[in-house]
Amino acid sequence: MNKIITVGREFGSGGREFGRRLSEELHFAYYDQEIIREISKRTSLSEQYIQSIVEHRPSFSFPIHIGQSFYPLSNPAFEQTMAIYQEQARIITEMALKSDCVIVGRCADYILKEYKPFRIFVYADIDSKIKRCREKGPEHENLTDRELKQKISGMDKKRAKYYELYTGHSWGDKLNFDLCINTSRTVIKEIVPAVAKLLV
């Protein structure tokens, strides 16, 4: 059985960097945006469109009530959203079965639950997240601290809704993870070797 590590993360916590550095330390395959690219190849949808789908909770259409019967409205957008999630789940499972790997986000901890992955969740306090976003964000993004805080909060809410919709679990709940890592005021590359030792 391959070793599978999944990394959930708050926006701005450095979870993506943590996952990448951990995969390098362990010499495991690393999957993140690669999943989006593979979905794009298989569905002929643009990567930008797929990214927008997997970062937003799909909207449901309510049925029209006629007499005593309910006739659900056709909702092609919702059907496509579900199709993308199902394709994502297939790709994540295929990747996990190929080799030892680290997979960031995308409900991988839930999708792969039968393979018993080691589930990590990365979080940080708001000041550390703002600082990290300023260091890693686009140069042209001139947001005030208040605007950046709102952006961080908004992204985390989207991730929570997406995770809860597809898994039925609370996003970030410590009971759903094997290890929770607080990256506040830490240098990620310095903590990765210690975490890697726990996993070998």
C-alpha atoms as a PDB file:
ATOM      1  CA  MET A   1       0.000   0.000   0.000  1.00  0.00           C
ATOM      2  CA  ASN A   2       1.343   3.401  -0.966  1.00  0.00           C
ATOM      3  CA  LYS A   3       1.844   6.070   1.678  1.00  0.00           C
ATOM      4  CA  ILE A   4      -0.675   8.852   1.115  1.00  0.00           C
ATOM      5  CA  ILE A   5      -0.537  12.225   2.830  1.00  0.00           C
ATOM      6  CA  THR A   6      -3.333  14.750   2.394  1.00  0.00           C
ATOM      7  CA  VAL A   7      -2.972  18.408   3.304  1.00  0.00           C
ATOM      8  CA  GLY A   8      -5.961  20.612   4.045  1.00  0.00           C
ATOM      9  CA  ARG A   9      -5.182  24.254   4.695  1.00  0.00           C
ATOM     10  CA  GLU A  10      -6.498  27.673   5.535  1.00  0.00           C
ATOM     11  CA  PHE A  11      -5.868  30.376   2.946  1.00  0.00           C
ATOM     12  CA  GLY A  12      -2.583  32.135   3.692  1.00  0.00           C
ATOM     13  CA  SER A  13      -1.385  29.500   6.161  1.00  0.00           C
ATOM     14  CA  GLY A  14       1.344  28.247   3.830  1.00  0.00           C
ATOM     15  CA  GLY A  15      -0.283  24.839   3.428  1.00  0.00           C
ATOM     16  CA  ARG A  16       0.601  24.588  -0.250  1.00  0.00           C
ATOM     17  CA  GLU A  17       4.262  25.382   0.432  1.00  0.00           C
ATOM     18  CA  PHE A  18       4.214  22.936   3.344  1.00  0.00           C
ATOM     19  CA  GLY A  19       2.824  20.155   1.141  1.00  0.00           C
ATOM     20  CA  ARG A  20       5.353  20.793  -1.615  1.00  0.00           C
ATOM     21  CA  ARG A  21       8.308  20.901   0.762  1.00  0.00           C
ATOM     22  CA  LEU A  22       7.097  17.787   2.580  1.00  0.00           C
ATOM     23  CA  SER A  23       6.862  15.862  -0.698  1.00  0.00           C
ATOM     24  CA  GLU A  24      10.416  16.927  -1.570  1.00  0.00           C
ATOM     25  CA  GLU A  25      11.709  15.911   1.866  1.00  0.00           C
ATOM     26  CA  LEU A  26      10.063  12.490   1.598  1.00  0.00           C
ATOM     27  CA  HIS A  27      10.709  12.089  -2.169  1.00  0.00           C
ATOM     28  CA  PHE A  28       6.978  11.568  -2.711  1.00  0.00           C
ATOM     29  CA  ALA A  29       4.938  12.652  -5.723  1.00  0.00           C
ATOM     30  CA  TYR A  30       3.197  15.999  -5.209  1.00  0.00           C
ATOM     31  CA  TYR A  31      -0.261  16.798  -6.553  1.00  0.00           C
ATOM     32  CA  ASP A  32      -2.020  20.143  -6.430  1.00  0.00           C
ATOM     33  CA  GLN A  33      -2.637  22.151  -9.617  1.00  0.00           C
ATOM     34  CA  GLU A  34      -1.751  18.973 -11.509  1.00  0.00           C
ATOM     35  CA  ILE A  35      -5.214  17.701 -10.605  1.00  0.00           C
ATOM     36  CA  ILE A  36      -6.861  20.720 -12.247  1.00  0.00           C
ATOM     37  CA  ARG A  37      -4.741  20.276 -15.381  1.00  0.00           C
ATOM     38  CA  GLU A  38      -5.693  16.602 -15.616  1.00  0.00           C
ATOM     39  CA  ILE A  39      -9.414  17.382 -15.257  1.00  0.00           C
ATOM     40  CA  SER A  40      -9.015  19.990 -18.006  1.00  0.00           C
ATOM     41  CA  LYS A  41      -7.409  17.423 -20.313  1.00  0.00           C
ATOM     42  CA  ARG A  42     -10.127  14.862 -19.717  1.00  0.00           C
ATOM     43  CA  THR A  43     -13.092  17.214 -19.993  1.00  0.00           C
ATOM     44  CA  SER A  44     -11.872  19.825 -22.520  1.00  0.00           C
ATOM     45  CA  LEU A  45     -12.845  22.540 -20.037  1.00  0.00           C
ATOM     46  CA  SER A  46     -10.447  25.389 -19.323  1.00  0.00           C
ATOM     47  CA  GLU A  47      -8.277  25.218 -16.210  1.00  0.00           C
ATOM     48  CA  GLN A  48      -9.583  28.625 -15.136  1.00  0.00           C
ATOM     49  CA  TYR A  49     -13.178  27.420 -15.333  1.00  0.00           C
ATOM     50  CA  ILE A  50     -12.441  24.244 -13.392  1.00  0.00           C
ATOM     51  CA  GLN A  51     -10.566  26.231 -10.741  1.00  0.00           C
ATOM     52  CA  SER A  52     -13.575  28.499 -10.300  1.00  0.00           C
ATOM     53  CA  ILE A  53     -15.860  25.481  -9.949  1.00  0.00           C
ATOM     54  CA  VAL A  54     -13.761  23.711  -7.305  1.00  0.00           C
ATOM     55  CA  GLU A  55     -13.446  26.910  -5.265  1.00  0.00           C
ATOM     56  CA  HIS A  56     -17.164  27.671  -5.091  1.00  0.00           C
ATOM     57  CA  ARG A  57     -20.116  25.810  -3.687  1.00  0.00           C
ATOM     58  CA  PRO A  58     -22.477  24.951  -6.548  1.00  0.00           C
ATOM     59  CA  SER A  59     -25.972  26.393  -6.329  1.00  0.00           C
ATOM     60  CA  PHE A  60     -29.033  24.188  -6.203  1.00  0.00           C
ATOM     61  CA  SER A  61     -32.197  24.971  -8.102  1.00  0.00           C
ATOM     62  CA  PHE A  62     -35.435  24.468  -6.218  1.00  0.00           C
ATOM     63  CA  PRO A  63     -38.142  22.298  -7.787  1.00  0.00           C
ATOM     64  CA  ILE A  64     -41.330  23.763  -9.210  1.00  0.00           C
ATOM     65  CA  HIS A  65     -44.391  22.560  -7.317  1.00  0.00           C
ATOM     66  CA  ILE A  66     -47.306  21.532  -9.554  1.00  0.00           C
ATOM     67  CA  GLY A  67     -50.264  19.869  -7.869  1.00  0.00           C
ATOM     68  CA  GLN A  68     -48.981  17.096  -5.627  1.00  0.00           C
ATOM     69  CA  SER A  69     -45.827  16.405  -7.623  1.00  0.00           C
ATOM     70  CA  PHE A  70     -42.388  17.988  -7.684  1.00  0.00           C
ATOM     71  CA  TYR A  71     -40.637  18.465 -11.008  1.00  0.00           C
ATOM     72  CA  PRO A  72     -36.969  19.311 -10.515  1.00  0.00           C
ATOM     73  CA  LEU A  73     -35.608  21.964 -12.829  1.00  0.00           C
ATOM     74  CA  SER A  74     -32.812  20.919 -15.112  1.00  0.00           C
ATOM     75  CA  ASN A  75     -29.635  22.626 -13.956  1.00  0.00           C
ATOM     76  CA  PRO A  76     -26.796  21.991 -16.422  1.00  0.00           C
ATOM     77  CA  ALA A  77     -24.369  24.110 -14.388  1.00  0.00           C
ATOM     78  CA  PHE A  78     -24.965  22.036 -11.265  1.00  0.00           C
ATOM     79  CA  GLU A  79     -24.740  18.780 -13.209  1.00  0.00           C
ATOM     80  CA  GLN A  80     -21.422  19.892 -14.678  1.00  0.00           C
ATOM     81  CA  THR A  81     -20.165  20.846 -11.210  1.00  0.00           C
ATOM     82  CA  MET A  82     -20.971  17.357  -9.920  1.00  0.00           C
ATOM     83  CA  ALA A  83     -19.351  15.785 -12.986  1.00  0.00           C
ATOM     84  CA  ILE A  84     -16.172  17.769 -12.331  1.00  0.00           C
ATOM     85  CA  TYR A  85     -16.125  16.628  -8.696  1.00  0.00           C
ATOM     86  CA  GLN A  86     -16.570  12.996  -9.748  1.00  0.00           C
ATOM     87  CA  GLU A  87     -13.763  13.304 -12.296  1.00  0.00           C
ATOM     88  CA  GLN A  88     -11.586  14.932  -9.652  1.00  0.00           C
ATOM     89  CA  ALA A  89     -12.282  12.037  -7.271  1.00  0.00           C
ATOM     90  CA  ARG A  90     -11.304   9.506  -9.964  1.00  0.00           C
ATOM     91  CA  ILE A  91      -8.066  11.368 -10.740  1.00  0.00           C
ATOM     92  CA  ILE A  92      -7.112  11.734  -7.072  1.00  0.00           C
ATOM     93  CA  THR A  93      -7.683   8.009  -6.517  1.00  0.00           C
ATOM     94  CA  GLU A  94      -5.628   7.101  -9.587  1.00  0.00           C
ATOM     95  CA  MET A  95      -2.764   9.333  -8.444  1.00  0.00           C
ATOM     96  CA  ALA A  96      -2.829   7.884  -4.935  1.00  0.00           C
ATOM     97  CA  LEU A  97      -2.651   4.339  -6.291  1.00  0.00           C
ATOM     98  CA  LYS A  98       0.360   5.096  -8.520  1.00  0.00           C
ATOM     99  CA  SER A  99       2.925   5.916  -5.834  1.00  0.00           C
ATOM    100  CA  ASP A 100       3.613   7.451  -2.440  1.00  0.00           C
ATOM    101  CA  CYS A 101       2.239  10.983  -2.627  1.00  0.00           C
ATOM    102  CA  VAL A 102       1.234  14.254  -0.997  1.00  0.00           C
ATOM    103  CA  ILE A 103      -2.081  15.703  -2.193  1.00  0.00           C
ATOM    104  CA  VAL A 104      -3.101  19.254  -1.300  1.00  0.00           C
ATOM    105  CA  GLY A 105      -6.759  20.177  -0.792  1.00  0.00           C
ATOM    106  CA  ARG A 106      -9.725  19.111  -2.936  1.00  0.00           C
ATOM    107  CA  CYS A 107     -11.344  16.866  -0.298  1.00  0.00           C
ATOM    108  CA  ALA A 108      -8.577  14.294  -0.840  1.00  0.00           C
ATOM    109  CA  ASP A 109      -8.688  13.231   2.813  1.00  0.00           C
ATOM    110  CA  TYR A 110     -12.345  12.251   2.371  1.00  0.00           C
ATOM    111  CA  ILE A 111     -12.096  10.864  -1.168  1.00  0.00           C
ATOM    112  CA  LEU A 112      -9.237   8.565  -0.126  1.00  0.00           C
ATOM    113  CA  LYS A 113     -10.577   7.606   3.313  1.00  0.00           C
ATOM    114  CA  GLU A 114     -10.699   3.895   2.493  1.00  0.00           C
ATOM    115  CA  TYR A 115      -6.935   4.002   1.813  1.00  0.00           C
ATOM    116  CA  LYS A 116      -6.310   5.497   5.261  1.00  0.00           C
ATOM    117  CA  PRO A 117      -4.191   8.531   4.308  1.00  0.00           C
ATOM    118  CA  PHE A 118      -2.261  10.496   6.909  1.00  0.00           C
ATOM    119  CA  ARG A 119      -4.374  13.645   7.118  1.00  0.00           C
ATOM    120  CA  ILE A 120      -2.755  16.988   7.927  1.00  0.00           C
ATOM    121  CA  PHE A 121      -4.462  20.345   8.392  1.00  0.00           C
ATOM    122  CA  VAL A 122      -2.423  23.570   8.286  1.00  0.00           C
ATOM    123  CA  TYR A 123      -3.686  26.757   9.920  1.00  0.00           C
ATOM    124  CA  ALA A 124      -2.376  30.072  11.244  1.00  0.00           C
ATOM    125  CA  ASP A 125      -3.481  33.225  13.029  1.00  0.00           C
ATOM    126  CA  ILE A 126      -4.752  36.112  10.927  1.00  0.00           C
ATOM    127  CA  ASP A 127      -1.653  38.301  11.357  1.00  0.00           C
ATOM    128  CA  SER A 128       0.596  35.518  10.062  1.00  0.00           C
ATOM    129  CA  LYS A 129      -1.751  34.854   7.148  1.00  0.00           C
ATOM    130  CA  ILE A 130      -1.796  38.529   6.173  1.00  0.00           C
ATOM    131  CA  LYS A 131       2.013  38.655   6.341  1.00  0.00           C
ATOM    132  CA  ARG A 132       2.365  35.504   4.224  1.00  0.00           C
ATOM    133  CA  CYS A 133      -0.164  36.741   1.652  1.00  0.00           C
ATOM    134  CA  ARG A 134       1.769  39.989   1.284  1.00  0.00           C
ATOM    135  CA  GLU A 135       5.026  38.070   0.767  1.00  0.00           C
ATOM    136  CA  LYS A 136       3.590  35.537  -1.693  1.00  0.00           C
ATOM    137  CA  GLY A 137       0.826  37.522  -3.384  1.00  0.00           C
ATOM    138  CA  PRO A 138       0.930  39.327  -6.746  1.00  0.00           C
ATOM    139  CA  GLU A 139       2.984  42.529  -6.775  1.00  0.00           C
ATOM    140  CA  HIS A 140       0.097  44.530  -8.230  1.00  0.00           C
ATOM    141  CA  GLU A 141      -2.280  43.496  -5.431  1.00  0.00           C
ATOM    142  CA  ASN A 142      -2.334  46.614  -3.248  1.00  0.00           C
ATOM    143  CA  LEU A 143      -4.914  45.640  -0.639  1.00  0.00           C
ATOM    144  CA  THR A 144      -5.240  47.244   2.773  1.00  0.00           C
ATOM    145  CA  ASP A 145      -4.992  44.961   5.815  1.00  0.00           C
ATOM    146  CA  ARG A 146      -8.762  45.112   6.168  1.00  0.00           C
ATOM    147  CA  GLU A 147      -9.315  44.168   2.498  1.00  0.00           C
ATOM    148  CA  LEU A 148      -6.789  41.363   2.729  1.00  0.00           C
ATOM    149  CA  LYS A 149      -8.410  40.055   5.903  1.00  0.00           C
ATOM    150  CA  GLN A 150     -11.773  40.008   4.099  1.00  0.00           C
ATOM    151  CA  LYS A 151     -10.221  38.147   1.162  1.00  0.00           C
ATOM    152  CA  ILE A 152      -8.689  35.526   3.473  1.00  0.00           C
ATOM    153  CA  SER A 153     -11.949  35.093   5.363  1.00  0.00           C
ATOM    154  CA  GLY A 154     -13.903  34.816   2.102  1.00  0.00           C
ATOM    155  CA  MET A 155     -11.593  32.146   0.687  1.00  0.00           C
ATOM    156  CA  ASP A 156     -11.790  30.096   3.883  1.00  0.00           C
ATOM    157  CA  LYS A 157     -15.597  30.306   3.855  1.00  0.00           C
ATOM    158  CA  LYS A 158     -15.658  29.039   0.263  1.00  0.00           C
ATOM    159  CA  ARG A 159     -13.357  26.161   1.142  1.00  0.00           C
ATOM    160  CA  ALA A 160     -15.499  25.291   4.158  1.00  0.00           C
ATOM    161  CA  LYS A 161     -18.724  25.259   2.124  1.00  0.00           C
ATOM    162  CA  TYR A 162     -17.137  23.196  -0.644  1.00  0.00           C
ATOM    163  CA  TYR A 163     -15.723  20.645   1.806  1.00  0.00           C
ATOM    164  CA  GLU A 164     -18.927  20.398   3.815  1.00  0.00           C
ATOM    165  CA  LEU A 165     -21.083  19.992   0.690  1.00  0.00           C
ATOM    166  CA  TYR A 166     -19.149  17.003  -0.647  1.00  0.00           C
ATOM    167  CA  THR A 167     -18.091  15.324   2.603  1.00  0.00           C
ATOM    168  CA  GLY A 168     -20.809  16.170   5.118  1.00  0.00           C
ATOM    169  CA  HIS A 169     -18.031  17.017   7.594  1.00  0.00           C
ATOM    170  CA  SER A 170     -16.934  20.313   9.118  1.00  0.00           C
ATOM    171  CA  TRP A 171     -13.906  21.780   7.350  1.00  0.00           C
ATOM    172  CA  GLY A 172     -10.928  22.148   9.685  1.00  0.00           C
ATOM    173  CA  ASP A 173     -12.449  20.006  12.460  1.00  0.00           C
ATOM    174  CA  LYS A 174      -9.470  18.536  14.316  1.00  0.00           C
ATOM    175  CA  LEU A 175     -11.290  15.215  14.715  1.00  0.00           C
ATOM    176  CA  ASN A 176     -11.033  14.698  10.951  1.00  0.00           C
ATOM    177  CA  PHE A 177      -7.228  14.961  10.930  1.00  0.00           C
ATOM    178  CA  ASP A 178      -4.241  13.069  12.266  1.00  0.00           C
ATOM    179  CA  LEU A 179      -2.051  16.147  12.681  1.00  0.00           C
ATOM    180  CA  CYS A 180      -2.913  19.863  12.863  1.00  0.00           C
ATOM    181  CA  ILE A 181      -0.034  22.296  12.328  1.00  0.00           C
ATOM    182  CA  ASN A 182      -0.057  25.935  13.382  1.00  0.00           C
ATOM    183  CA  THR A 183       2.299  27.845  11.077  1.00  0.00           C
ATOM    184  CA  SER A 184       1.879  31.183  12.883  1.00  0.00           C
ATOM    185  CA  ARG A 185       5.218  32.946  13.205  1.00  0.00           C
ATOM    186  CA  THR A 186       7.120  29.932  11.878  1.00  0.00           C
ATOM    187  CA  VAL A 187       9.371  29.288   8.890  1.00  0.00           C
ATOM    188  CA  ILE A 188       7.766  26.404   7.039  1.00  0.00           C
ATOM    189  CA  LYS A 189      10.962  24.972   5.590  1.00  0.00           C
ATOM    190  CA  GLU A 190      12.316  24.645   9.136  1.00  0.00           C
ATOM    191  CA  ILE A 191       9.395  22.580  10.486  1.00  0.00           C
ATOM    192  CA  VAL A 192       9.030  20.249   7.495  1.00  0.00           C
ATOM    193  CA  PRO A 193      12.004  17.948   8.350  1.00  0.00           C
ATOM    194  CA  ALA A 194      10.577  17.325  11.842  1.00  0.00           C
ATOM    195  CA  VAL A 195       7.158  16.429  10.419  1.00  0.00           C
ATOM    196  CA  ALA A 196       8.766  14.200   7.768  1.00  0.00           C
ATOM    197  CA  LYS A 197      10.477  12.180  10.525  1.00  0.00           C
ATOM    198  CA  LEU A 198       7.079  11.332  11.950  1.00  0.00           C
ATOM    199  CA  LEU A 199       6.017   9.841   8.625  1.00  0.00           C
ATOM    200  CA  VAL A 200       8.926   7.571   7.702  1.00  0.00           C
END
